[in-house]
Amino acid sequence: MRRRILLCVGNPDRGDDGAGPRVGALLREAAALDIVECRGDASAILAALEEAAEAVIVDAAISGAPAGTVRRFDLGDEGELLPIDSGWSSHGFGLAEAIGLARALGAFPPVCVLFTIEGEGFAPGAPLSAAAQAGASAAAARILAEFAAKERSDGASFFTAG
């Protein structure tokens, strides 16, 4: 059965790379979504996306924006195509490749939104920075607001408002 998922990408043991899992922790009891955590492995991301009818993906980013900045990308059927080298993910290989492969295989959810949280440090063993924590809280609030708006609407696509 295809489901509605919140895909939280990142490694909580690598500083701000843990921003995605932090959003999952904040929303675990607040939203009626299946929360899937993945450390950034392309095959695990692809497997999660293949099972999703609708998806929200959350990941840390390295783009040069101020730490904690939250950006939203609509990746669904008519959504944005993100180049691999655009700085929207902290993973050198994983999320971008999985998204591209899922699209090529026809396994990408027709409704998909990516939230990125700008990080500032990704050292092994480092804690999540205050800026990334604030960004994770802001992203969680935006996701909840979009989810609530979807639940109030009649037949509108999940997470379509930006």
N, C-alpha and C. Protein backbone atom coordinates (compact mmCIF):
# COMPACT_ATOMS: atom_id res chain seq x y z
N MET A 1 0.84 -1.18 0.00
CA MET A 1 0.00 0.00 0.00
C MET A 1 0.89 1.25 0.00
N ARG A 2 0.59 2.16 -0.91
CA ARG A 2 1.34 3.41 -0.95
C ARG A 2 0.84 4.32 0.15
N ARG A 3 1.75 5.02 0.80
CA ARG A 3 1.42 5.78 2.00
C ARG A 3 1.95 7.19 1.95
N ARG A 4 1.57 7.98 2.91
CA ARG A 4 2.03 9.36 3.09
C ARG A 4 3.18 9.31 4.08
N ILE A 5 4.35 9.80 3.65
CA ILE A 5 5.52 9.69 4.53
C ILE A 5 6.19 11.04 4.77
N LEU A 6 6.87 11.09 5.90
CA LEU A 6 7.83 12.15 6.21
C LEU A 6 9.18 11.45 6.24
N LEU A 7 10.01 11.72 5.23
CA LEU A 7 11.31 11.08 5.11
C LEU A 7 12.37 12.02 5.68
N CYS A 8 12.92 11.65 6.83
CA CYS A 8 13.89 12.46 7.56
C CYS A 8 15.28 11.91 7.27
N VAL A 9 16.04 12.65 6.49
CA VAL A 9 17.35 12.19 6.02
C VAL A 9 18.45 12.83 6.86
N GLY A 10 19.38 12.02 7.33
CA GLY A 10 20.53 12.57 8.03
C GLY A 10 21.03 11.68 9.14
N ASN A 11 22.21 12.02 9.60
CA ASN A 11 22.87 11.26 10.65
C ASN A 11 22.98 12.12 11.91
N PRO A 12 22.23 11.79 12.96
CA PRO A 12 22.27 12.61 14.17
C PRO A 12 23.61 12.60 14.89
N ASP A 13 24.53 11.75 14.47
CA ASP A 13 25.87 11.71 15.07
C ASP A 13 26.88 12.54 14.29
N ARG A 14 26.40 13.38 13.35
CA ARG A 14 27.27 14.23 12.54
C ARG A 14 26.82 15.69 12.58
N GLY A 15 26.67 16.23 13.77
CA GLY A 15 26.34 17.64 13.92
C GLY A 15 25.03 18.00 13.24
N ASP A 16 25.08 19.02 12.37
CA ASP A 16 23.86 19.53 11.75
C ASP A 16 23.26 18.60 10.72
N ASP A 17 23.96 17.51 10.38
CA ASP A 17 23.36 16.50 9.51
C ASP A 17 22.17 15.85 10.21
N GLY A 18 22.07 16.02 11.51
CA GLY A 18 20.95 15.48 12.28
C GLY A 18 19.69 16.34 12.24
N ALA A 19 19.67 17.40 11.43
CA ALA A 19 18.49 18.27 11.37
C ALA A 19 17.25 17.53 10.88
N GLY A 20 17.40 16.67 9.86
CA GLY A 20 16.26 15.91 9.35
C GLY A 20 15.66 15.00 10.42
N PRO A 21 16.48 14.16 11.08
CA PRO A 21 15.94 13.34 12.16
C PRO A 21 15.35 14.16 13.31
N ARG A 22 15.88 15.35 13.56
CA ARG A 22 15.31 16.21 14.61
C ARG A 22 13.90 16.62 14.26
N VAL A 23 13.64 16.94 13.00
CA VAL A 23 12.28 17.27 12.57
C VAL A 23 11.37 16.06 12.79
N GLY A 24 11.86 14.87 12.46
CA GLY A 24 11.06 13.67 12.70
C GLY A 24 10.71 13.49 14.16
N ALA A 25 11.68 13.75 15.04
CA ALA A 25 11.43 13.64 16.47
C ALA A 25 10.39 14.66 16.93
N LEU A 26 10.45 15.86 16.39
CA LEU A 26 9.49 16.90 16.76
C LEU A 26 8.08 16.58 16.29
N LEU A 27 7.97 15.87 15.16
CA LEU A 27 6.65 15.59 14.58
C LEU A 27 6.13 14.19 14.86
N ARG A 28 6.91 13.38 15.54
CA ARG A 28 6.55 11.98 15.74
C ARG A 28 5.13 11.79 16.29
N GLU A 29 4.72 12.63 17.22
CA GLU A 29 3.40 12.46 17.81
C GLU A 29 2.41 13.52 17.35
N ALA A 30 2.87 14.46 16.53
CA ALA A 30 2.01 15.59 16.17
C ALA A 30 1.32 15.45 14.82
N ALA A 31 1.79 14.59 13.96
CA ALA A 31 1.23 14.50 12.61
C ALA A 31 0.89 13.06 12.26
N ALA A 32 -0.13 12.91 11.46
CA ALA A 32 -0.56 11.58 11.03
C ALA A 32 0.22 11.18 9.77
N LEU A 33 1.51 11.09 9.93
CA LEU A 33 2.40 10.71 8.84
C LEU A 33 3.21 9.50 9.27
N ASP A 34 3.57 8.67 8.31
CA ASP A 34 4.54 7.62 8.60
C ASP A 34 5.92 8.27 8.54
N ILE A 35 6.62 8.26 9.65
CA ILE A 35 7.95 8.87 9.70
C ILE A 35 8.99 7.80 9.41
N VAL A 36 9.80 8.09 8.38
CA VAL A 36 10.86 7.18 7.95
C VAL A 36 12.17 7.92 8.12
N GLU A 37 13.11 7.34 8.86
CA GLU A 37 14.42 7.95 9.03
C GLU A 37 15.43 7.17 8.20
N CYS A 38 16.32 7.92 7.58
CA CYS A 38 17.33 7.33 6.70
C CYS A 38 18.60 8.17 6.82
N ARG A 39 19.73 7.54 6.89
CA ARG A 39 20.99 8.27 7.06
C ARG A 39 21.50 8.89 5.77
N GLY A 40 20.85 8.65 4.66
CA GLY A 40 21.26 9.28 3.41
C GLY A 40 21.67 8.30 2.33
N ASP A 41 21.54 7.01 2.60
CA ASP A 41 21.87 5.99 1.62
C ASP A 41 20.84 6.02 0.48
N ALA A 42 21.33 6.13 -0.75
CA ALA A 42 20.45 6.26 -1.91
C ALA A 42 19.46 5.10 -2.02
N SER A 43 19.89 3.87 -1.76
CA SER A 43 18.98 2.73 -1.91
C SER A 43 17.86 2.76 -0.87
N ALA A 44 18.15 3.19 0.35
CA ALA A 44 17.11 3.28 1.37
C ALA A 44 16.13 4.41 1.05
N ILE A 45 16.64 5.51 0.54
CA ILE A 45 15.77 6.62 0.15
C ILE A 45 14.86 6.18 -0.99
N LEU A 46 15.43 5.53 -1.98
CA LEU A 46 14.65 5.04 -3.12
C LEU A 46 13.55 4.09 -2.66
N ALA A 47 13.88 3.18 -1.76
CA ALA A 47 12.88 2.23 -1.25
C ALA A 47 11.73 2.96 -0.55
N ALA A 48 12.06 3.97 0.23
CA ALA A 48 11.00 4.74 0.92
C ALA A 48 10.13 5.48 -0.08
N LEU A 49 10.74 6.09 -1.09
CA LEU A 49 9.97 6.85 -2.07
C LEU A 49 9.09 5.95 -2.92
N GLU A 50 9.57 4.75 -3.24
CA GLU A 50 8.78 3.81 -4.03
C GLU A 50 7.48 3.43 -3.34
N GLU A 51 7.48 3.43 -2.02
CA GLU A 51 6.30 3.04 -1.25
C GLU A 51 5.37 4.22 -0.95
N ALA A 52 5.75 5.43 -1.36
CA ALA A 52 5.00 6.62 -0.98
C ALA A 52 4.09 7.11 -2.09
N ALA A 53 2.88 7.47 -1.70
CA ALA A 53 1.97 8.16 -2.60
C ALA A 53 2.21 9.66 -2.50
N GLU A 54 2.57 10.10 -1.31
CA GLU A 54 2.88 11.50 -1.02
C GLU A 54 4.05 11.52 -0.05
N ALA A 55 4.98 12.45 -0.26
CA ALA A 55 6.17 12.49 0.59
C ALA A 55 6.59 13.91 0.91
N VAL A 56 7.07 14.06 2.13
CA VAL A 56 7.79 15.25 2.54
C VAL A 56 9.16 14.75 2.95
N ILE A 57 10.20 15.36 2.38
CA ILE A 57 11.57 14.98 2.68
C ILE A 57 12.21 16.15 3.43
N VAL A 58 12.96 15.84 4.48
CA VAL A 58 13.67 16.86 5.23
C VAL A 58 15.14 16.44 5.31
N ASP A 59 16.03 17.40 4.97
CA ASP A 59 17.47 17.10 4.98
C ASP A 59 18.24 18.36 5.29
N ALA A 60 19.45 18.19 5.78
CA ALA A 60 20.36 19.31 5.99
C ALA A 60 20.91 19.76 4.64
N ALA A 61 21.34 21.02 4.58
CA ALA A 61 21.87 21.57 3.33
C ALA A 61 23.18 22.31 3.59
N ILE A 62 23.96 22.44 2.53
CA ILE A 62 25.18 23.24 2.55
C ILE A 62 25.14 24.07 1.28
N SER A 63 24.66 25.31 1.39
CA SER A 63 24.55 26.15 0.20
C SER A 63 25.20 27.51 0.37
N GLY A 64 25.65 27.81 1.57
CA GLY A 64 26.20 29.13 1.83
C GLY A 64 25.19 30.08 2.45
N ALA A 65 23.94 29.65 2.59
CA ALA A 65 22.92 30.46 3.26
C ALA A 65 23.23 30.50 4.75
N PRO A 66 22.65 31.43 5.48
CA PRO A 66 22.88 31.46 6.94
C PRO A 66 22.41 30.16 7.60
N ALA A 67 23.17 29.70 8.58
CA ALA A 67 22.82 28.47 9.29
C ALA A 67 21.41 28.58 9.85
N GLY A 68 20.65 27.51 9.71
CA GLY A 68 19.27 27.47 10.20
C GLY A 68 18.23 27.86 9.16
N THR A 69 18.66 28.39 8.01
CA THR A 69 17.73 28.78 6.95
C THR A 69 16.95 27.55 6.47
N VAL A 70 15.63 27.71 6.37
CA VAL A 70 14.77 26.64 5.87
C VAL A 70 14.32 27.01 4.46
N ARG A 71 14.51 26.08 3.53
CA ARG A 71 14.03 26.29 2.16
C ARG A 71 13.07 25.16 1.80
N ARG A 72 12.13 25.47 0.94
CA ARG A 72 11.11 24.51 0.52
C ARG A 72 11.13 24.39 -1.00
N PHE A 73 11.13 23.15 -1.48
CA PHE A 73 11.13 22.87 -2.91
C PHE A 73 9.97 21.92 -3.21
N ASP A 74 9.17 22.24 -4.22
CA ASP A 74 8.11 21.35 -4.67
C ASP A 74 8.70 20.45 -5.75
N LEU A 75 8.83 19.17 -5.45
CA LEU A 75 9.46 18.22 -6.37
C LEU A 75 8.46 17.33 -7.09
N GLY A 76 7.17 17.51 -6.86
CA GLY A 76 6.15 16.64 -7.44
C GLY A 76 6.13 16.67 -8.96
N ASP A 77 5.05 16.14 -9.53
CA ASP A 77 4.93 15.96 -10.98
C ASP A 77 5.38 17.17 -11.80
N GLU A 78 4.93 18.33 -11.44
CA GLU A 78 5.28 19.53 -12.18
C GLU A 78 6.29 20.38 -11.42
N GLY A 79 6.91 19.78 -10.41
CA GLY A 79 7.79 20.53 -9.52
C GLY A 79 9.18 20.73 -10.06
N GLU A 80 10.01 21.28 -9.20
CA GLU A 80 11.37 21.66 -9.54
C GLU A 80 12.27 20.43 -9.75
N LEU A 81 13.20 20.57 -10.65
CA LEU A 81 14.27 19.59 -10.80
C LEU A 81 15.51 20.23 -10.20
N LEU A 82 16.12 19.56 -9.26
CA LEU A 82 17.28 20.12 -8.58
C LEU A 82 18.55 19.46 -9.08
N PRO A 83 19.51 20.25 -9.56
CA PRO A 83 20.77 19.65 -9.98
C PRO A 83 21.52 19.10 -8.78
N ILE A 84 22.28 18.06 -9.00
CA ILE A 84 23.02 17.40 -7.93
C ILE A 84 23.98 18.35 -7.23
N ASP A 85 24.56 19.30 -7.95
CA ASP A 85 25.57 20.18 -7.37
C ASP A 85 25.01 21.50 -6.85
N SER A 86 23.71 21.56 -6.55
CA SER A 86 23.10 22.84 -6.16
C SER A 86 23.26 23.18 -4.69
N GLY A 87 23.83 22.31 -3.89
CA GLY A 87 24.05 22.62 -2.48
C GLY A 87 22.82 22.46 -1.62
N TRP A 88 21.83 21.73 -2.07
CA TRP A 88 20.61 21.60 -1.29
C TRP A 88 20.61 20.40 -0.37
N SER A 89 21.65 19.61 -0.37
CA SER A 89 21.75 18.47 0.53
C SER A 89 23.16 18.39 1.10
N SER A 90 23.26 17.86 2.31
CA SER A 90 24.58 17.68 2.92
C SER A 90 25.21 16.35 2.53
N HIS A 91 24.53 15.55 1.73
CA HIS A 91 25.03 14.24 1.35
C HIS A 91 25.70 14.30 -0.01
N GLY A 92 26.94 13.86 -0.09
CA GLY A 92 27.67 13.88 -1.34
C GLY A 92 27.07 12.91 -2.35
N PHE A 93 26.53 11.81 -1.90
CA PHE A 93 25.89 10.83 -2.76
C PHE A 93 24.73 10.25 -1.98
N GLY A 94 23.55 10.34 -2.51
CA GLY A 94 22.41 9.77 -1.80
C GLY A 94 21.09 10.36 -2.23
N LEU A 95 20.69 11.47 -1.65
CA LEU A 95 19.36 12.01 -1.87
C LEU A 95 19.13 12.42 -3.32
N ALA A 96 20.00 13.21 -3.89
CA ALA A 96 19.83 13.66 -5.27
C ALA A 96 19.78 12.48 -6.23
N GLU A 97 20.67 11.53 -6.04
CA GLU A 97 20.71 10.36 -6.91
C GLU A 97 19.45 9.52 -6.76
N ALA A 98 18.97 9.36 -5.53
CA ALA A 98 17.74 8.58 -5.30
C ALA A 98 16.54 9.26 -5.95
N ILE A 99 16.46 10.56 -5.84
CA ILE A 99 15.35 11.29 -6.46
C ILE A 99 15.41 11.12 -7.98
N GLY A 100 16.59 11.29 -8.56
CA GLY A 100 16.73 11.12 -10.00
C GLY A 100 16.38 9.71 -10.47
N LEU A 101 16.83 8.72 -9.73
CA LEU A 101 16.54 7.34 -10.08
C LEU A 101 15.05 7.03 -9.93
N ALA A 102 14.45 7.50 -8.85
CA ALA A 102 13.01 7.27 -8.65
C ALA A 102 12.20 7.89 -9.79
N ARG A 103 12.59 9.10 -10.22
CA ARG A 103 11.91 9.74 -11.36
C ARG A 103 12.07 8.89 -12.62
N ALA A 104 13.29 8.44 -12.88
CA ALA A 104 13.57 7.67 -14.09
C ALA A 104 12.81 6.35 -14.12
N LEU A 105 12.62 5.76 -12.94
CA LEU A 105 11.92 4.47 -12.84
C LEU A 105 10.40 4.62 -12.75
N GLY A 106 9.92 5.85 -12.70
CA GLY A 106 8.49 6.07 -12.53
C GLY A 106 8.01 5.73 -11.14
N ALA A 107 8.92 5.75 -10.17
CA ALA A 107 8.59 5.37 -8.80
C ALA A 107 8.57 6.57 -7.86
N PHE A 108 8.62 7.79 -8.42
CA PHE A 108 8.64 8.99 -7.60
C PHE A 108 7.21 9.39 -7.26
N PRO A 109 6.94 9.75 -6.00
CA PRO A 109 5.58 10.13 -5.64
C PRO A 109 5.13 11.37 -6.43
N PRO A 110 3.90 11.41 -6.89
CA PRO A 110 3.43 12.56 -7.65
C PRO A 110 3.36 13.84 -6.80
N VAL A 111 3.25 13.67 -5.50
CA VAL A 111 3.26 14.81 -4.58
C VAL A 111 4.46 14.63 -3.67
N CYS A 112 5.42 15.55 -3.79
CA CYS A 112 6.64 15.45 -2.99
C CYS A 112 7.20 16.85 -2.74
N VAL A 113 7.51 17.11 -1.49
CA VAL A 113 8.07 18.39 -1.07
C VAL A 113 9.37 18.12 -0.32
N LEU A 114 10.39 18.92 -0.60
CA LEU A 114 11.66 18.84 0.10
C LEU A 114 11.85 20.09 0.93
N PHE A 115 12.12 19.91 2.21
CA PHE A 115 12.53 21.00 3.08
C PHE A 115 14.00 20.80 3.41
N THR A 116 14.80 21.86 3.22
CA THR A 116 16.20 21.77 3.62
C THR A 116 16.45 22.75 4.76
N ILE A 117 17.37 22.37 5.63
CA ILE A 117 17.77 23.19 6.76
C ILE A 117 19.28 23.40 6.64
N GLU A 118 19.66 24.66 6.50
CA GLU A 118 21.08 24.97 6.31
C GLU A 118 21.87 24.64 7.57
N GLY A 119 22.93 23.89 7.39
CA GLY A 119 23.80 23.52 8.49
C GLY A 119 25.07 24.34 8.49
N GLU A 120 25.80 24.25 9.62
CA GLU A 120 27.08 24.95 9.70
C GLU A 120 28.23 24.04 10.11
N GLY A 121 27.94 22.88 10.64
CA GLY A 121 28.99 21.95 11.05
C GLY A 121 28.51 20.52 10.97
N PHE A 122 29.37 19.64 10.45
CA PHE A 122 28.97 18.25 10.21
C PHE A 122 30.02 17.26 10.73
N ALA A 123 30.76 17.67 11.73
CA ALA A 123 31.82 16.82 12.28
C ALA A 123 31.24 15.61 13.01
N PRO A 124 31.88 14.46 12.86
CA PRO A 124 31.43 13.27 13.59
C PRO A 124 31.44 13.54 15.10
N GLY A 125 30.37 13.16 15.77
CA GLY A 125 30.26 13.31 17.21
C GLY A 125 29.81 14.68 17.68
N ALA A 126 29.71 15.65 16.77
CA ALA A 126 29.30 17.00 17.15
C ALA A 126 27.79 17.03 17.39
N PRO A 127 27.34 17.91 18.29
CA PRO A 127 25.90 18.04 18.51
C PRO A 127 25.27 18.92 17.42
N LEU A 128 23.96 18.88 17.35
CA LEU A 128 23.21 19.76 16.47
C LEU A 128 23.41 21.20 16.95
N SER A 129 23.76 22.12 16.05
CA SER A 129 23.99 23.51 16.45
C SER A 129 22.67 24.18 16.83
N ALA A 130 22.77 25.27 17.55
CA ALA A 130 21.57 26.04 17.93
C ALA A 130 20.83 26.52 16.70
N ALA A 131 21.57 26.94 15.67
CA ALA A 131 20.93 27.41 14.44
C ALA A 131 20.16 26.29 13.74
N ALA A 132 20.76 25.10 13.67
CA ALA A 132 20.08 23.97 13.03
C ALA A 132 18.88 23.52 13.86
N GLN A 133 19.00 23.59 15.19
CA GLN A 133 17.84 23.26 16.03
C GLN A 133 16.69 24.22 15.76
N ALA A 134 17.01 25.52 15.65
CA ALA A 134 15.98 26.51 15.34
C ALA A 134 15.37 26.25 13.97
N GLY A 135 16.22 25.91 13.01
CA GLY A 135 15.73 25.58 11.67
C GLY A 135 14.84 24.35 11.67
N ALA A 136 15.21 23.33 12.44
CA ALA A 136 14.39 22.13 12.53
C ALA A 136 13.02 22.45 13.13
N SER A 137 13.00 23.29 14.15
CA SER A 137 11.72 23.70 14.76
C SER A 137 10.87 24.47 13.76
N ALA A 138 11.50 25.36 13.00
CA ALA A 138 10.77 26.14 11.99
C ALA A 138 10.23 25.24 10.89
N ALA A 139 11.05 24.29 10.44
CA ALA A 139 10.60 23.35 9.40
C ALA A 139 9.45 22.50 9.91
N ALA A 140 9.54 22.02 11.13
CA ALA A 140 8.45 21.21 11.71
C ALA A 140 7.16 22.02 11.77
N ALA A 141 7.25 23.28 12.15
CA ALA A 141 6.06 24.14 12.22
C ALA A 141 5.46 24.33 10.84
N ARG A 142 6.29 24.55 9.83
CA ARG A 142 5.79 24.72 8.46
C ARG A 142 5.13 23.44 7.96
N ILE A 143 5.74 22.30 8.25
CA ILE A 143 5.16 21.02 7.81
C ILE A 143 3.81 20.80 8.48
N LEU A 144 3.73 21.06 9.78
CA LEU A 144 2.45 20.92 10.48
C LEU A 144 1.39 21.85 9.91
N ALA A 145 1.76 23.08 9.60
CA ALA A 145 0.80 24.03 9.03
C ALA A 145 0.30 23.56 7.68
N GLU A 146 1.19 23.05 6.85
CA GLU A 146 0.78 22.55 5.54
C GLU A 146 -0.09 21.31 5.69
N PHE A 147 0.27 20.44 6.61
CA PHE A 147 -0.52 19.24 6.85
C PHE A 147 -1.93 19.61 7.31
N ALA A 148 -2.03 20.56 8.23
CA ALA A 148 -3.34 21.00 8.73
C ALA A 148 -4.17 21.61 7.60
N ALA A 149 -3.53 22.41 6.75
CA ALA A 149 -4.25 23.02 5.62
C ALA A 149 -4.75 21.94 4.67
N LYS A 150 -3.97 20.92 4.44
CA LYS A 150 -4.37 19.82 3.57
C LYS A 150 -5.55 19.07 4.17
N GLU A 151 -5.49 18.83 5.46
CA GLU A 151 -6.57 18.11 6.13
C GLU A 151 -7.89 18.88 6.09
N ARG A 152 -7.82 20.21 6.06
CA ARG A 152 -9.03 21.04 6.00
C ARG A 152 -9.60 21.14 4.60
N SER A 153 -8.77 20.91 3.59
CA SER A 153 -9.22 21.08 2.21
C SER A 153 -9.97 19.85 1.72
N ASP A 154 -10.69 20.03 0.65
CA ASP A 154 -11.44 18.92 0.05
C ASP A 154 -10.71 18.44 -1.19
N GLY A 155 -9.95 17.37 -1.07
CA GLY A 155 -9.30 16.76 -2.21
C GLY A 155 -8.06 17.45 -2.72
N ALA A 156 -7.58 18.45 -2.05
CA ALA A 156 -6.36 19.13 -2.51
C ALA A 156 -5.16 18.22 -2.28
N SER A 157 -4.15 18.43 -3.09
CA SER A 157 -2.94 17.63 -2.93
C SER A 157 -2.24 17.98 -1.64
N PHE A 158 -1.60 17.00 -1.09
CA PHE A 158 -0.85 17.10 0.16
C PHE A 158 0.31 18.07 -0.02
N PHE A 159 0.47 19.02 0.87
CA PHE A 159 1.61 19.93 0.90
C PHE A 159 1.83 20.66 -0.41
N THR A 160 0.79 21.27 -0.98
CA THR A 160 0.97 21.99 -2.24
C THR A 160 1.21 23.47 -2.05
N ALA A 161 0.87 24.02 -0.92
CA ALA A 161 1.07 25.46 -0.71
C ALA A 161 2.49 25.73 -0.27
N GLY A 162 3.11 26.76 -0.79
CA GLY A 162 4.48 27.07 -0.41
C GLY A 162 4.52 28.30 0.35
